[in-house]
Amino acid sequence: MISGTATEFAAALPGHGRLAGLDVGTKTIGLATCDAGWSYATAAETLKRTKFTADLERLKAFIAKHGIAGLVVGLPLNLDGSDSPRTQSVRAFARNLAPLGLPVLLWDERWSTVAVERAMIEADMSRAKRAEKVDAHAAAHILQGAIDALVNLQPSS
């Protein structure tokens, strides 16, 4: 099931559980995870894209290794909120994740890479290190936004 809102996604999840964030690019997929309590997202790794079937198998292994209950996929909308050809490609990628049997949330990722790169520059990270890590950190930025929204949906105790 693909959701466009945190409310729909939360309803599709089997309670809490670890989530994975995906920053899907044309050449790589940045991956991040969060804790089961949805407190913080952490950059995990960057996969080099090959054929989709191979990518799906590596995602299955990642999901099994980390006990993932749901996926948050960054949706690259135009600045005005409209779809672009890249947005359509990511929507198709999300649909193709159906064999995983996990709920999927499409999450607006506008400015995620820019925000992450700025933080890396402020941390005085070299250009080579930034290039190596930006996708996984962008996935963590996307996932953090989604888990913040999910936590805000929960009634306070």
Protein backbone atom coordinates (compact mmCIF):
# COMPACT_ATOMS: atom_id res chain seq x y z
CA MET A 1 0.00 0.00 0.00
CA ILE A 2 1.33 3.42 -0.98
CA SER A 3 0.29 6.36 1.19
CA GLY A 4 0.51 10.04 0.50
CA THR A 5 -0.08 11.13 4.10
CA ALA A 6 1.40 10.24 7.46
CA THR A 7 -2.11 9.42 8.75
CA GLU A 8 -2.74 6.79 6.04
CA PHE A 9 0.75 5.36 6.51
CA ALA A 10 0.37 5.11 10.29
CA ALA A 11 -2.93 3.25 9.84
CA ALA A 12 -1.23 0.75 7.50
CA LEU A 13 1.64 0.03 9.91
CA PRO A 14 1.39 -2.87 12.32
CA GLY A 15 2.01 -0.60 15.35
CA HIS A 16 5.45 0.89 15.82
CA GLY A 17 8.53 -0.63 14.31
CA ARG A 18 11.67 0.42 12.57
CA LEU A 19 11.23 2.34 9.36
CA ALA A 20 13.59 2.82 6.44
CA GLY A 21 14.01 6.00 4.46
CA LEU A 22 14.93 5.87 0.78
CA ASP A 23 16.37 8.67 -1.31
CA VAL A 24 15.93 7.23 -4.79
CA GLY A 25 18.21 8.68 -7.44
CA THR A 26 19.01 7.62 -10.96
CA LYS A 27 22.38 6.14 -9.97
CA THR A 28 22.05 5.45 -6.23
CA ILE A 29 19.57 4.78 -3.45
CA GLY A 30 20.37 6.38 -0.13
CA LEU A 31 19.14 4.34 2.84
CA ALA A 32 18.43 5.34 6.42
CA THR A 33 16.74 3.72 9.40
CA CYS A 34 15.03 4.92 12.54
CA ASP A 35 14.57 3.36 15.94
CA ALA A 36 11.34 1.51 16.75
CA GLY A 37 10.15 4.43 18.89
CA TRP A 38 10.46 6.84 15.93
CA SER A 39 12.76 9.22 17.79
CA TYR A 40 15.64 9.67 15.37
CA ALA A 41 16.72 8.72 11.86
CA THR A 42 20.23 7.57 11.06
CA ALA A 43 21.98 7.40 7.70
CA ALA A 44 22.75 3.79 6.85
CA GLU A 45 24.26 3.22 3.41
CA THR A 46 24.11 4.07 -0.26
CA LEU A 47 23.34 1.42 -2.85
CA LYS A 48 24.60 1.78 -6.40
CA ARG A 49 21.63 1.13 -8.69
CA THR A 50 21.77 -1.68 -11.19
CA LYS A 51 18.80 -3.59 -12.57
CA PHE A 52 15.62 -3.21 -10.53
CA THR A 53 15.45 -6.93 -9.65
CA ALA A 54 18.96 -6.77 -8.17
CA ASP A 55 18.13 -3.52 -6.36
CA LEU A 56 14.99 -5.14 -4.93
CA GLU A 57 16.99 -8.12 -3.64
CA ARG A 58 19.46 -5.80 -1.89
CA LEU A 59 16.55 -3.86 -0.39
CA LYS A 60 15.02 -7.15 0.85
CA ALA A 61 18.31 -8.03 2.55
CA PHE A 62 18.51 -4.55 4.13
CA ILE A 63 14.91 -4.82 5.36
CA ALA A 64 15.50 -8.26 6.86
CA LYS A 65 18.76 -7.20 8.50
CA HIS A 66 17.19 -4.15 10.16
CA GLY A 67 13.69 -5.52 10.88
CA ILE A 68 11.95 -2.80 8.85
CA ALA A 69 8.14 -2.42 9.21
CA GLY A 70 7.58 0.35 6.63
CA LEU A 71 9.30 2.43 3.96
CA VAL A 72 9.43 6.20 3.53
CA VAL A 73 10.38 7.12 -0.02
CA GLY A 74 11.44 10.67 -0.81
CA LEU A 75 9.26 12.23 -3.51
CA PRO A 76 11.15 14.83 -5.59
CA LEU A 77 8.44 17.38 -6.30
CA ASN A 78 9.09 20.61 -8.17
CA LEU A 79 9.44 23.69 -5.96
CA ASP A 80 5.83 24.62 -6.72
CA GLY A 81 4.66 21.18 -5.54
CA SER A 82 3.93 19.82 -9.00
CA ASP A 83 5.18 16.54 -10.42
CA SER A 84 8.19 16.28 -12.72
CA PRO A 85 9.45 13.39 -14.82
CA ARG A 86 11.69 12.45 -11.87
CA THR A 87 8.65 12.43 -9.56
CA GLN A 88 6.88 10.00 -11.90
CA SER A 89 9.96 7.76 -11.92
CA VAL A 90 10.03 7.64 -8.11
CA ARG A 91 6.28 6.90 -7.98
CA ALA A 92 6.87 3.97 -10.37
CA PHE A 93 9.78 2.79 -8.19
CA ALA A 94 7.50 2.89 -5.12
CA ARG A 95 4.81 0.87 -6.94
CA ASN A 96 7.46 -1.70 -7.85
CA LEU A 97 8.25 -2.17 -4.14
CA ALA A 98 4.90 -4.02 -3.72
CA PRO A 99 6.58 -7.48 -3.56
CA LEU A 100 8.18 -6.40 -0.28
CA GLY A 101 4.73 -6.38 1.34
CA LEU A 102 5.43 -3.25 3.39
CA PRO A 103 3.49 0.00 3.65
CA VAL A 104 5.15 2.81 1.69
CA LEU A 105 4.87 6.53 2.42
CA LEU A 106 5.77 9.00 -0.33
CA TRP A 107 7.29 11.98 1.50
CA ASP A 108 8.05 15.40 0.03
CA GLU A 109 11.81 15.64 -0.21
CA ARG A 110 12.17 19.18 -1.56
CA TRP A 111 15.35 20.75 -0.19
CA SER A 112 16.54 17.55 1.59
CA THR A 113 19.80 17.22 -0.35
CA VAL A 114 20.47 20.96 -0.11
CA ALA A 115 19.93 20.93 3.66
CA VAL A 116 22.20 17.92 4.10
CA GLU A 117 24.96 19.35 1.91
CA ARG A 118 24.86 22.64 3.83
CA ALA A 119 25.21 20.77 7.12
CA MET A 120 28.12 18.76 5.74
CA ILE A 121 29.86 21.91 4.50
CA GLU A 122 29.35 23.56 7.90
CA ALA A 123 30.93 20.44 9.47
CA ASP A 124 33.92 21.03 7.15
CA MET A 125 33.45 17.71 5.39
CA SER A 126 35.52 17.31 2.24
CA ARG A 127 33.82 17.31 -1.15
CA ALA A 128 34.74 13.63 -1.67
CA LYS A 129 33.24 12.60 1.68
CA ARG A 130 30.11 14.64 0.98
CA ALA A 131 29.64 12.93 -2.40
CA GLU A 132 30.04 9.53 -0.76
CA LYS A 133 27.57 10.16 2.08
CA VAL A 134 25.02 12.71 0.82
CA ASP A 135 22.42 10.21 -0.42
CA ALA A 136 22.23 8.23 2.84
CA HIS A 137 22.10 11.45 4.85
CA ALA A 138 19.37 12.83 2.56
CA ALA A 139 17.44 9.59 3.22
CA ALA A 140 17.85 10.21 6.97
CA HIS A 141 16.61 13.81 6.53
CA ILE A 142 13.55 12.56 4.63
CA LEU A 143 12.87 9.85 7.21
CA GLN A 144 13.25 12.28 10.13
CA GLY A 145 10.61 14.56 8.63
CA ALA A 146 8.23 11.63 8.27
CA ILE A 147 8.77 10.24 11.78
CA ASP A 148 8.33 13.71 13.27
CA ALA A 149 4.94 13.89 11.52
CA LEU A 150 4.04 10.36 12.69
CA VAL A 151 4.92 11.14 16.30
CA ASN A 152 2.76 14.28 16.13
CA LEU A 153 -0.22 12.10 15.14
CA GLN A 154 -0.03 10.14 18.37
CA PRO A 155 -2.14 11.24 21.32
CA SER A 156 -0.02 12.67 24.12
CA SER A 157 -0.03 10.80 27.39
